[in-house]
Protein backbone atom coordinates (compact mmCIF):
# COMPACT_ATOMS: atom_id res chain seq x y z
CA UNK A 1 11.06 -7.62 -40.22
CA UNK A 2 12.53 -5.18 -37.83
CA UNK A 3 9.72 -2.76 -37.90
CA UNK A 4 7.02 -5.92 -37.64
CA UNK A 5 9.02 -7.06 -34.33
CA UNK A 6 9.00 -3.22 -33.20
CA UNK A 7 5.28 -3.41 -34.05
CA UNK A 8 4.92 -6.36 -31.74
CA UNK A 9 6.85 -5.57 -28.90
CA UNK A 10 5.05 -1.99 -29.20
CA UNK A 11 1.96 -4.04 -28.90
CA UNK A 12 2.67 -6.83 -26.05
CA UNK A 13 3.55 -2.92 -24.42
CA UNK A 14 0.73 -1.64 -24.55
CA UNK A 15 -1.63 -4.56 -23.85
CA UNK A 16 0.73 -5.06 -20.51
CA UNK A 17 -0.19 -1.50 -19.41
CA UNK A 18 -3.81 -1.22 -20.19
CA UNK A 19 -3.94 -4.87 -17.91
CA UNK A 20 -1.72 -3.05 -15.32
CA UNK A 21 -4.02 0.18 -15.39
CA UNK A 22 -6.90 -1.89 -14.75
CA UNK A 23 -5.11 -4.42 -12.16
CA UNK A 24 -4.15 -1.08 -9.96
CA UNK A 25 -8.11 -0.33 -9.89
CA UNK A 26 -9.09 -3.92 -9.02
CA UNK A 27 -6.03 -4.12 -6.32
CA UNK A 28 -7.43 -0.66 -4.91
CA UNK A 29 -11.14 -1.30 -5.00
CA UNK A 30 -10.63 -4.95 -3.37
CA UNK A 31 -8.25 -3.81 -0.90
CA UNK A 32 -10.63 -0.92 0.30
CA UNK A 33 -13.32 -3.65 -0.18
CA UNK A 34 -11.94 -5.63 2.78
CA UNK A 35 -11.22 -2.72 4.91
CA UNK A 36 -14.68 -1.65 4.79
CA UNK A 37 -15.95 -5.08 5.69
CA UNK A 38 -14.21 -5.36 8.44
CA UNK A 39 -15.05 -2.20 9.38
CA UNK A 40 -18.35 -3.26 9.37
CA UNK A 41 -17.70 -6.64 11.28
CA UNK A 42 -16.05 -4.45 13.92
CA UNK A 43 -19.10 -2.16 14.25
CA UNK A 44 -21.66 -4.99 14.42
CA UNK A 45 -19.67 -6.60 17.81
CA UNK A 46 -21.42 -6.11 21.13
CA UNK A 47 -20.57 -6.01 24.70
CA UNK A 48 -22.95 -6.83 27.77
CA UNK A 49 -21.17 -6.46 31.06
CA UNK A 50 -24.28 -9.04 32.66
CA UNK A 51 -23.31 -11.71 29.63
CA UNK A 52 -20.01 -13.03 30.56
CA UNK A 53 -20.34 -15.98 28.11
CA UNK A 54 -21.42 -13.52 25.40
CA UNK A 55 -18.88 -11.39 25.53
CA UNK A 56 -16.09 -14.14 24.65
CA UNK A 57 -17.73 -15.00 21.61
CA UNK A 58 -18.44 -11.40 20.51
CA UNK A 59 -14.71 -11.34 21.38
CA UNK A 60 -13.89 -14.19 19.25
CA UNK A 61 -15.86 -11.99 15.81
CA UNK A 62 -13.58 -8.85 16.95
CA UNK A 63 -10.38 -11.34 17.17
CA UNK A 64 -11.19 -12.66 13.52
CA UNK A 65 -11.70 -9.30 12.05
CA UNK A 66 -8.24 -8.27 13.21
CA UNK A 67 -6.91 -11.23 12.41
CA UNK A 68 -8.31 -10.45 8.75
CA UNK A 69 -7.14 -6.54 8.62
CA UNK A 70 -3.44 -8.43 9.77
CA UNK A 71 -3.62 -10.06 6.52
CA UNK A 72 -4.84 -7.53 4.56
CA UNK A 73 -1.97 -5.06 5.86
CA UNK A 74 0.57 -7.83 5.54
CA UNK A 75 -0.14 -7.72 2.02
CA UNK A 76 -0.65 -4.37 0.77
CA UNK A 77 2.61 -3.53 2.99
CA UNK A 78 4.31 -5.91 0.45
CA UNK A 79 2.81 -3.54 -2.43
CA UNK A 80 4.46 -0.71 -1.13
CA UNK A 81 7.97 -2.11 -0.08
CA UNK A 82 7.95 -3.46 -3.63
CA UNK A 83 7.18 -0.16 -4.99
CA UNK A 84 9.71 1.76 -2.52
CA UNK A 85 12.41 -0.75 -4.21
CA UNK A 86 11.20 -0.01 -7.67
CA UNK A 87 11.54 3.86 -6.45
CA UNK A 88 8.07 4.69 -6.80
CA UNK A 89 6.19 6.95 -4.80
CA UNK A 90 3.46 6.41 -2.51
CA UNK A 91 0.30 6.85 -4.73
CA UNK A 92 -2.98 8.62 -3.91
CA UNK A 93 -4.70 5.35 -3.40
CA UNK A 94 -2.27 3.97 -1.01
CA UNK A 95 -2.67 7.15 1.15
CA UNK A 96 -6.03 6.23 1.28
CA UNK A 97 -5.55 2.33 2.01
CA UNK A 98 -3.10 3.77 4.73
CA UNK A 99 -5.39 6.14 6.54
CA UNK A 100 -8.06 3.11 6.28
CA UNK A 101 -6.27 0.92 7.81
CA UNK A 102 -4.91 2.94 10.59
CA UNK A 103 -9.02 3.98 11.46
CA UNK A 104 -9.44 0.36 11.30
CA UNK A 105 -7.31 -0.06 13.97
CA UNK A 106 -8.12 2.81 16.01
CA UNK A 107 -11.74 1.34 15.75
CA UNK A 108 -10.19 -2.09 17.20
CA UNK A 109 -8.46 -0.40 20.17
CA UNK A 110 -12.01 1.50 21.23
CA UNK A 111 -14.05 -1.77 20.79
CA UNK A 112 -11.45 -3.88 22.52
CA UNK A 113 -11.91 -1.70 25.45
CA UNK A 114 -14.91 -2.34 26.36
CA UNK A 115 -14.16 -5.98 27.26
CA UNK A 116 -11.36 -5.25 29.87
CA UNK A 117 -12.08 -5.15 32.87
CA UNK A 118 -10.40 -2.18 35.04
CA UNK A 119 -10.70 -3.71 38.94
CA UNK A 120 -11.05 -7.36 39.69
CA UNK A 121 -9.70 -7.16 42.97
CA UNK A 122 -13.11 -7.88 44.74
CA UNK A 123 -12.92 -11.35 43.94
CA UNK A 124 -15.73 -12.55 46.46
CA UNK A 125 -18.29 -10.86 44.03
CA UNK A 126 -17.90 -13.05 41.32
CA UNK A 127 -18.49 -17.01 41.05
CA UNK A 128 -15.99 -18.98 40.10
CA UNK A 129 -16.89 -19.33 36.60
CA UNK A 130 -17.86 -15.82 36.22
CA UNK A 131 -14.23 -14.83 37.32
CA UNK A 132 -12.45 -17.33 35.31
CA UNK A 133 -14.58 -16.09 31.66
CA UNK A 134 -13.86 -12.19 33.34
CA UNK A 135 -9.78 -13.16 33.52
CA UNK A 136 -9.86 -15.02 29.97
CA UNK A 137 -11.59 -11.95 28.20
CA UNK A 138 -9.29 -9.71 29.60
CA UNK A 139 -6.26 -11.73 28.34
CA UNK A 140 -7.86 -12.11 24.89
CA UNK A 141 -8.45 -8.00 24.57
CA UNK A 142 -5.25 -7.74 25.67
CA UNK A 143 -3.34 -10.24 22.98
CA UNK A 144 -5.35 -8.81 20.18
CA UNK A 145 -3.96 -5.27 21.04
CA UNK A 146 -0.62 -7.18 21.37
CA UNK A 147 -0.88 -8.55 18.09
CA UNK A 148 -1.80 -5.30 16.17
CA UNK A 149 0.85 -3.70 17.75
CA UNK A 150 3.48 -5.81 16.92
CA UNK A 151 1.96 -5.92 13.10
CA UNK A 152 1.81 -1.83 13.20
CA UNK A 153 5.83 -1.90 14.59
CA UNK A 154 6.94 -3.94 12.09
CA UNK A 155 5.27 -2.61 9.11
CA UNK A 156 4.11 1.05 9.85
CA UNK A 157 7.55 2.06 11.77
CA UNK A 158 9.59 -0.28 10.37
CA UNK A 159 8.98 0.62 6.61
CA UNK A 160 10.59 4.15 6.14
CA UNK A 161 8.28 4.68 2.99
CA UNK A 162 5.39 4.11 5.33
CA UNK A 163 6.22 5.44 8.70
CA UNK A 164 6.37 8.81 6.55
CA UNK A 165 2.74 8.44 5.13
CA UNK A 166 2.00 7.33 8.74
CA UNK A 167 3.04 10.26 10.35
CA UNK A 168 1.71 12.45 7.76
CA UNK A 169 -2.05 11.12 8.08
CA UNK A 170 -1.84 11.32 11.32
CA UNK A 171 -1.26 15.15 10.79
CA UNK A 172 -4.69 15.34 9.09
CA UNK A 173 -6.85 13.37 11.42
CA UNK A 174 -9.54 15.92 12.42
CA UNK A 175 -11.47 13.42 14.78
CA UNK A 176 -9.94 14.38 17.95
CA UNK A 177 -11.25 10.92 19.90
CA UNK A 178 -9.43 9.08 16.88
CA UNK A 179 -6.29 11.14 17.60
CA UNK A 180 -6.47 9.91 21.06
CA UNK A 181 -6.92 6.57 20.74
CA UNK A 182 -3.94 6.17 18.07
CA UNK A 183 -1.86 8.55 20.58
CA UNK A 184 -3.11 5.65 23.53
CA UNK A 185 -2.07 2.66 20.75
CA UNK A 186 1.78 3.54 20.94
CA UNK A 187 1.83 4.81 25.01
CA UNK A 188 0.33 1.62 25.98
CA UNK A 189 3.01 -0.78 25.14
CA UNK A 190 5.83 1.29 26.43
CA UNK A 191 3.86 1.41 30.01
CA UNK A 192 5.87 -0.70 32.60
CA UNK A 193 2.51 -1.41 34.30
CA UNK A 194 1.00 -2.81 31.36
CA UNK A 195 4.17 -5.02 30.77
CA UNK A 196 4.08 -6.38 34.27
CA UNK A 197 0.15 -6.72 34.19
CA UNK A 198 0.24 -8.73 30.86
CA UNK A 199 3.43 -11.19 32.31
CA UNK A 200 1.45 -11.78 35.18
CA UNK A 201 -1.89 -12.98 33.11
CA UNK A 202 0.53 -14.85 30.99
CA UNK A 203 1.57 -16.89 34.36
CA UNK A 204 -1.75 -17.16 35.39
CA UNK A 205 -3.23 -18.19 32.22
CA UNK A 206 -0.28 -20.90 32.00
CA UNK A 207 -1.21 -21.73 35.78
CA UNK A 208 -4.79 -21.87 35.77
CA UNK A 209 -6.34 -23.21 31.74
CA UNK A 210 -6.51 -26.82 32.14
CA UNK A 211 -8.19 -25.81 35.52
CA UNK A 212 -10.60 -23.48 33.24
CA UNK A 213 -11.19 -26.19 30.84
CA UNK A 214 -12.26 -28.67 34.05
CA UNK A 215 -15.35 -25.71 34.11
CA UNK A 216 -16.77 -27.42 31.17
CA UNK A 217 -18.31 -24.42 30.08
CA UNK A 218 -18.56 -24.00 26.31
CA UNK A 219 -17.93 -20.42 26.10
CA UNK A 220 -14.81 -20.42 28.38
CA UNK A 221 -13.47 -22.81 26.69
CA UNK A 222 -13.70 -21.33 23.18
CA UNK A 223 -11.63 -18.20 25.18
CA UNK A 224 -8.96 -20.87 26.01
CA UNK A 225 -8.46 -21.88 22.63
CA UNK A 226 -8.17 -18.72 21.08
CA UNK A 227 -5.61 -17.36 24.03
CA UNK A 228 -3.26 -20.64 22.95
CA UNK A 229 -3.52 -19.55 19.50
CA UNK A 230 -1.62 -16.62 20.13
CA UNK A 231 1.24 -19.30 21.45
CA UNK A 232 1.85 -16.80 23.92
CA UNK A 233 4.88 -18.87 25.33
CA UNK A 234 6.91 -18.81 22.44
CA UNK A 235 6.27 -15.01 21.19
CA UNK A 236 5.13 -13.07 24.35
CA UNK A 237 6.24 -14.77 27.78
CA UNK A 238 9.44 -12.88 29.43
CA UNK A 239 9.45 -10.27 26.59
CA UNK A 240 9.27 -6.95 26.35
CA UNK A 241 7.17 -5.14 23.14
CA UNK A 242 9.40 -2.91 20.82
CA UNK A 243 8.49 1.04 21.00
CA UNK A 244 7.30 2.74 18.68
CA UNK A 245 8.32 6.00 18.04
CA UNK A 246 7.36 8.18 15.07
CA UNK A 247 10.31 10.64 15.67
CA UNK A 248 13.90 10.59 15.72
CA UNK A 249 16.94 12.29 15.41
CA UNK A 250 16.74 11.76 11.39
CA UNK A 251 13.07 12.99 11.20
CA UNK A 252 14.08 15.78 13.05
CA UNK A 253 16.58 16.74 10.48
CA UNK A 254 14.54 16.46 8.03
CA UNK A 255 11.47 18.21 9.42
CA UNK A 256 13.99 21.50 10.20
CA UNK A 257 14.80 21.02 6.39
CA UNK A 258 11.30 20.54 5.03
CA UNK A 259 10.32 24.11 7.32
CA UNK A 260 13.61 25.87 5.86
CA UNK A 261 13.19 25.01 2.38
CA UNK A 262 9.15 25.48 2.87
CA UNK A 263 9.56 28.88 4.27
CA UNK A 264 12.14 30.57 1.57
CA UNK A 265 9.90 28.71 -1.22
CA UNK A 266 6.38 30.14 0.46
CA UNK A 267 8.52 33.95 0.69
CA UNK A 268 9.60 33.48 -3.07
CA UNK A 269 6.14 32.61 -3.93
CA UNK A 270 4.53 34.94 -1.92
CA UNK A 271 6.32 37.74 -3.77
CA UNK A 272 6.80 36.84 -7.03
CA UNK A 273 3.21 35.13 -7.22
CA UNK A 274 2.19 38.47 -6.89
CA UNK A 275 3.96 39.85 -9.83
CA UNK A 276 1.39 40.07 -13.08
CA UNK A 277 2.12 42.34 -15.85
CA UNK A 278 -1.69 42.47 -17.51
CA UNK A 279 -4.71 40.12 -17.79
CA UNK A 280 -5.12 37.21 -19.14
CA UNK A 281 -6.68 36.97 -22.96
CA UNK A 282 -9.80 34.56 -21.50
CA UNK A 283 -10.65 37.32 -18.79
CA UNK A 284 -14.02 38.33 -19.10
CA UNK A 285 -14.00 36.25 -22.59
CA UNK A 286 -17.60 35.35 -23.38
CA UNK A 287 -16.66 33.09 -26.20
CA UNK A 288 -13.64 31.28 -24.23
CA UNK A 289 -16.38 30.85 -21.45
CA UNK A 290 -19.44 29.20 -23.33
CA UNK A 291 -17.02 27.03 -25.11
CA UNK A 292 -15.76 25.72 -22.06
CA UNK A 293 -18.79 24.95 -20.49
CA UNK A 294 -19.88 22.81 -23.38
CA UNK A 295 -17.13 20.87 -23.28
CA UNK A 296 -16.20 20.49 -19.86
CA UNK A 297 -17.56 17.58 -17.66
CA UNK A 298 -17.12 16.84 -14.24
CA UNK A 299 -13.71 15.49 -12.95
CA UNK A 300 -12.11 16.68 -15.72
CA UNK A 301 -8.28 17.76 -15.21
CA UNK A 302 -7.63 21.47 -16.78
CA UNK A 303 -4.33 22.90 -16.95
CA UNK A 304 -2.99 26.26 -17.70
CA UNK A 305 -0.71 28.98 -19.37
CA UNK A 306 0.09 32.42 -17.85
CA UNK A 307 2.69 34.24 -19.54
CA UNK A 308 2.35 37.25 -18.28
CA UNK A 309 2.64 35.99 -14.73
CA UNK A 310 6.12 36.37 -12.72
CA UNK A 311 5.89 32.36 -11.79
CA UNK A 312 5.67 31.23 -14.93
CA UNK A 313 9.22 32.21 -15.17
CA UNK A 314 10.48 29.87 -12.76
CA UNK A 315 8.06 26.98 -12.78
CA UNK A 316 9.93 24.53 -15.09
CA UNK A 317 7.96 22.79 -17.92
CA UNK A 318 4.92 24.53 -20.13
CA UNK A 319 2.16 24.47 -18.14
CA UNK A 320 2.14 26.92 -14.41
CA UNK A 321 -1.19 25.42 -12.95
CA UNK A 322 -3.63 22.99 -12.98
CA UNK A 323 -6.98 21.78 -10.96
CA UNK A 324 -9.97 19.79 -11.07
CA UNK A 325 -13.01 20.88 -12.72
CA UNK A 326 -15.87 19.70 -10.21
CA UNK A 327 -18.89 20.88 -12.16
CA UNK A 328 -21.95 22.62 -12.30
CA UNK A 329 -25.57 21.27 -10.07
CA UNK A 330 -27.03 20.26 -13.71
CA UNK A 331 -23.86 18.35 -14.68
CA UNK A 332 -23.37 16.69 -11.03
CA UNK A 333 -27.11 15.43 -11.32
CA UNK A 334 -26.56 13.45 -14.80
CA UNK A 335 -23.44 12.30 -13.31
CA UNK A 336 -25.18 10.55 -10.48
CA UNK A 337 -22.64 12.62 -8.05
CA UNK A 338 -25.19 15.94 -7.07
CA UNK A 339 -26.83 13.80 -3.87
CA UNK A 340 -23.77 12.24 -2.22
CA UNK A 341 -22.84 13.15 0.76
CA UNK A 342 -19.70 15.04 0.02
CA UNK A 343 -20.96 17.03 -2.32
CA UNK A 344 -24.05 18.24 -0.28
CA UNK A 345 -21.74 19.85 1.71
CA UNK A 346 -20.53 22.41 -1.16
CA UNK A 347 -24.17 23.13 -2.92
CA UNK A 348 -24.59 26.42 -2.05
CA UNK A 349 -21.07 27.25 -3.48
CA UNK A 350 -21.73 24.95 -6.83
CA UNK A 351 -24.72 27.15 -6.58
CA UNK A 352 -22.83 30.05 -6.68
CA UNK A 353 -20.74 29.13 -9.57
CA UNK A 354 -17.99 27.79 -7.72
CA UNK A 355 -16.83 24.54 -9.71
CA UNK A 356 -13.04 23.93 -9.87
CA UNK A 357 -11.38 22.45 -6.99
CA UNK A 358 -7.51 24.19 -6.87
CA UNK A 359 -4.51 24.66 -4.69
CA UNK A 360 -2.80 28.37 -4.97
CA UNK A 361 -0.87 29.96 -2.41
CA UNK A 362 -3.19 31.07 -0.32
CA UNK A 363 -4.21 27.20 0.30
CA UNK A 364 -6.78 24.97 -1.41
CA UNK A 365 -10.34 26.62 -2.67
CA UNK A 366 -13.08 26.05 -4.54
CA UNK A 367 -13.41 28.64 -7.32
CA UNK A 368 -15.71 29.78 -10.87
CA UNK A 369 -14.48 28.72 -13.88
CA UNK A 370 -14.90 32.74 -14.56
CA UNK A 371 -12.09 33.57 -11.86
CA UNK A 372 -10.34 30.34 -13.21
CA UNK A 373 -9.87 32.36 -16.79
CA UNK A 374 -7.23 34.69 -15.62
CA UNK A 375 -5.11 33.11 -18.42
CA UNK A 376 -4.28 32.76 -21.85
CA UNK A 377 -4.31 29.02 -22.37
CA UNK A 378 -6.11 25.85 -21.28
CA UNK A 379 -5.78 22.11 -21.81
CA UNK A 380 -8.47 19.67 -20.66
CA UNK A 381 -7.99 15.78 -20.28
CA UNK A 382 -9.83 13.64 -18.83
CA UNK A 383 -10.16 9.71 -17.37
CA UNK A 384 -11.63 7.45 -20.03
CA UNK A 385 -15.21 6.34 -18.50
CA UNK A 386 -15.59 7.59 -15.07
CA UNK A 387 -18.46 9.10 -15.24
CA UNK A 388 -19.64 5.52 -16.25
CA UNK A 389 -17.83 4.29 -12.90
CA UNK A 390 -19.83 4.94 -10.08
CA UNK A 391 -17.26 3.79 -7.31
CA UNK A 392 -14.77 5.42 -9.22
CA UNK A 393 -16.48 8.83 -9.82
CA UNK A 394 -17.36 9.04 -6.56
CA UNK A 395 -14.03 8.37 -5.24
CA UNK A 396 -12.66 10.85 -7.31
CA UNK A 397 -14.87 13.69 -6.64
CA UNK A 398 -14.63 12.99 -2.20
CA UNK A 399 -10.81 12.93 -2.39
CA UNK A 400 -10.82 16.11 -4.59
CA UNK A 401 -12.95 17.84 -1.66
CA UNK A 402 -10.75 16.25 0.71
CA UNK A 403 -7.86 18.63 -0.44
CA UNK A 404 -9.72 21.77 -0.21
CA UNK A 405 -9.04 24.07 3.00
CA UNK A 406 -5.23 22.81 2.87
CA UNK A 407 -2.08 25.28 3.11
CA UNK A 408 0.13 25.48 -0.11
CA UNK A 409 2.92 22.71 0.06
CA UNK A 410 5.73 24.70 -1.06
CA UNK A 411 7.99 21.45 -0.79
CA UNK A 412 6.03 20.25 -3.11
CA UNK A 413 5.78 16.68 -1.40
CA UNK A 414 3.36 14.17 -2.67
CA UNK A 415 3.34 12.25 0.69
CA UNK A 416 2.84 15.50 2.19
CA UNK A 417 -0.94 15.31 3.34
CA UNK A 418 -1.93 18.43 5.25
CA UNK A 419 -0.16 20.39 2.39
CA UNK A 420 -1.17 20.31 -1.46
CA UNK A 421 0.69 22.16 -4.39
CA UNK A 422 -1.72 22.29 -7.54
CA UNK A 423 -0.67 19.63 -9.01
CA UNK A 424 -1.12 17.41 -5.89
CA UNK A 425 -4.78 17.64 -6.23
CA UNK A 426 -5.11 15.39 -9.40
CA UNK A 427 -2.67 13.33 -8.10
CA UNK A 428 -4.17 12.63 -4.51
CA UNK A 429 -7.80 12.80 -6.16
CA UNK A 430 -7.25 10.28 -9.08
CA UNK A 431 -4.85 8.17 -6.49
CA UNK A 432 -5.96 4.60 -8.22
CA UNK A 433 -3.71 5.91 -11.16
CA UNK A 434 0.13 5.81 -11.55
CA UNK A 435 1.41 9.31 -12.41
CA UNK A 436 4.82 9.96 -13.48
CA UNK A 437 6.70 11.62 -10.74
CA UNK A 438 10.44 13.30 -10.25
CA UNK A 439 12.80 13.11 -7.29
CA UNK A 440 14.13 16.16 -6.45
CA UNK A 441 16.18 17.18 -2.97
CA UNK A 442 14.80 13.84 -1.13
CA UNK A 443 11.09 13.85 -2.04
CA UNK A 444 9.10 13.18 -4.71
CA UNK A 445 7.10 15.93 -6.54
CA UNK A 446 5.26 16.18 -9.40
CA UNK A 447 4.66 18.86 -11.99
CA UNK A 448 1.56 20.28 -14.05
CA UNK A 449 3.44 19.01 -16.91
CA UNK A 450 3.83 15.50 -15.61
CA UNK A 451 -0.07 15.36 -15.19
CA UNK A 452 -0.95 16.01 -18.39
CA UNK A 453 1.98 13.58 -19.58
CA UNK A 454 -0.35 10.80 -18.69
CA UNK A 455 -2.89 11.62 -21.61
CA UNK A 456 0.44 10.84 -23.79
CA UNK A 457 1.39 7.87 -22.52
CA UNK A 458 -0.37 4.52 -24.21
CA UNK A 459 -2.46 2.33 -22.08
CA UNK A 460 -2.75 5.30 -19.41
CA UNK A 461 -7.05 5.49 -19.94
CA UNK A 462 -6.40 9.34 -19.73
CA UNK A 463 -7.25 11.15 -22.81
CA UNK A 464 -6.36 14.17 -24.67
CA UNK A 465 -9.66 16.46 -24.64
CA UNK A 466 -9.09 19.66 -25.71
CA UNK A 467 -6.66 22.77 -25.94
CA UNK A 468 -7.61 26.26 -26.40
CA UNK A 469 -5.54 29.84 -27.09
CA UNK A 470 -6.39 33.32 -26.95
CA UNK A 471 -4.89 35.87 -28.31
CA UNK A 472 -4.91 39.94 -26.95
CA UNK A 473 -8.53 40.36 -29.08
CA UNK A 474 -9.78 37.45 -27.19
CA UNK A 475 -9.35 35.63 -30.50
CA UNK A 476 -9.87 31.68 -29.55
CA UNK A 477 -7.39 29.08 -31.61
CA UNK A 478 -7.57 25.94 -31.04
CA UNK A 479 -4.42 23.42 -30.27
CA UNK A 480 -3.85 20.01 -31.53
CA UNK A 481 -2.68 16.86 -28.92
CA UNK A 482 0.20 16.97 -31.19
CA UNK A 483 0.72 20.37 -31.16
CA UNK A 484 1.00 20.56 -27.61
CA UNK A 485 3.26 17.76 -27.60
CA UNK A 486 5.65 19.73 -29.12
CA UNK A 487 5.27 22.12 -26.59
CA UNK A 488 5.95 19.68 -24.03
CA UNK A 489 8.72 18.24 -25.86
CA UNK A 490 7.40 15.16 -26.69
CA UNK A 491 8.11 13.84 -30.16
CA UNK A 492 4.84 11.83 -32.57
CA UNK A 493 5.69 8.80 -34.31
CA UNK A 494 3.15 8.73 -36.54
CA UNK A 495 4.06 4.89 -37.78
CA UNK A 496 3.56 3.70 -34.55
CA UNK A 497 1.16 6.25 -33.20
CA UNK A 498 3.00 6.99 -30.50
CA UNK A 499 4.49 9.78 -28.65
CA UNK A 500 8.68 9.67 -27.52
CA UNK A 501 9.89 11.65 -24.91
CA UNK A 502 13.57 13.03 -25.06
CA UNK A 503 15.53 11.89 -21.64
CA UNK A 504 18.95 11.97 -20.64
CA UNK A 505 20.37 8.67 -19.88
CA UNK A 506 23.65 8.27 -17.69
CA UNK A 507 25.92 5.51 -16.57
CA UNK A 508 29.20 5.21 -14.69
CA UNK A 509 32.10 4.07 -16.13
CA UNK A 510 35.14 2.32 -14.88
CA UNK A 511 37.85 2.55 -16.59
CA UNK A 512 42.37 1.29 -15.41
CA UNK A 513 43.65 4.25 -14.28
CA UNK A 514 47.56 3.59 -15.80
CA UNK A 515 48.95 6.92 -13.26
CA UNK A 516 50.85 4.81 -10.53
CA UNK A 517 50.57 7.82 -8.06
CA UNK A 518 46.88 7.90 -8.21
CA UNK A 519 45.24 6.46 -5.59
CA UNK A 520 41.46 7.13 -6.35
CA UNK A 521 39.36 3.87 -6.29
CA UNK A 522 42.61 2.04 -6.23
CA UNK A 523 44.02 1.35 -9.57
CA UNK A 524 40.66 2.67 -11.35
CA UNK A 525 38.64 5.61 -11.98
CA UNK A 526 35.34 6.10 -12.99
CA UNK A 527 33.61 9.04 -14.94
CA UNK A 528 29.52 9.50 -15.58
CA UNK A 529 28.74 9.06 -19.56
CA UNK A 530 25.76 10.75 -20.51
CA UNK A 531 23.47 10.54 -23.86
CA UNK A 532 20.15 11.40 -24.68
CA UNK A 533 17.49 8.74 -26.04
CA UNK A 534 14.02 8.83 -27.41
CA UNK A 535 11.77 6.86 -24.78
CA UNK A 536 8.37 5.51 -25.67
CA UNK A 537 5.76 7.25 -23.31
CA UNK A 538 3.80 3.83 -22.25
CA UNK A 539 1.86 4.15 -18.81
CA UNK A 540 3.11 2.30 -15.98
CA UNK A 541 1.28 0.62 -13.36
CA UNK A 542 3.03 -1.53 -10.54
């Protein structure tokens, strides 16, 4: 009976994990689709200095798009907040979405600036109606900015998890115009001049809005109604906007700490990383090369072991390095990826044989399979059905290539975007997947072993494809999934077709302190009690 119950519970867990995985993908795809649709609507808005009523109608489109963006942002921030409460790190998909949200804010700011007339001092050059239309349009543009600013403050600044990621995204923006817009976005609210102008405009609107309605112009009336929806008396009149500062004393301390550890780790890595005692057994191994060229498919994740390298003695776990196989020209054409914009940029490199995206000590790069095979052992894992899913294959290849030309992340922090360590390449590229991570020295890190671990988790959608090793005679030997699981410390439960992992489980025990002289915790003292337990490897989504 117990065995039947155990099988039932396992089936339920696996089914739930599979459902979570599908929900992860659906949520990411739907959120990105919503943001892209909002961006299209923003780009479709128009401005004509000669058509003042027309501008109010176009600005209404921009305000509606901004409102939809606010709703998407609020909904997604709730998800990020729940993840932080559950101590789950930001995923690659979260980084993409937050980055896209910021891009959209910058786009709205750029468009909104068109509707703000800088000088209205020469009032006589406008008719009564024109002047009223310009004043209302100006106010609407400012109110839309204020609304976006407040949402940004409450989400991107108040939630620490998102604040940290936002700072990282700003670091890697390569569009100078966009960077400047985002800087101005935070500066405007702190400006005394903007505050005074906004308060004056709000008071003028409250004094004249009935007069505006009496002009009986449909577009102007539409503008008045839009302003009233912002409830300016309740939320803005007589109030200052909160300041957004993306750095503080605490951030400064963390930055100094990160720079120090990055320097020490980098110095150690660069010194030890050069120490290799021989060539890898797969180096210049034609049989290994032929086998891998047959087995590998675009976007496969490949992990390797180099026991002859000094770094192998210091990197925890079995594998010392991991990368993504992008694919040859022929394979990319078969996968429908060759002519995508992000692959086109690298046609020449790929034709020269550079088919692997990896991050090593000098930085991330494209490298050939031949150069990669300075190793003794290689393992291949793959997301099931990824090449049949147009959206997934394009997103993974695009994000993987976005990791190129970044410095090596000696802090091993998965939320650092301007630098990447080897395991962060698949972590970010396969952002729609939840990868197991470890929390070390105040940051979430991920190792090559943890990437491979998902191939052992029920319901992950990641499959173990192959694993081979070579000896000094260049002979190849196949490693089964179970054998590799043993290397990784996993235990196979044949009766349930399930892999399990040994973990240390600890809890604080409170006991009565009979020593009356003791002042530790009053009359109680606590101690940590730990034991090793076996945990089923089941994929966990959100």
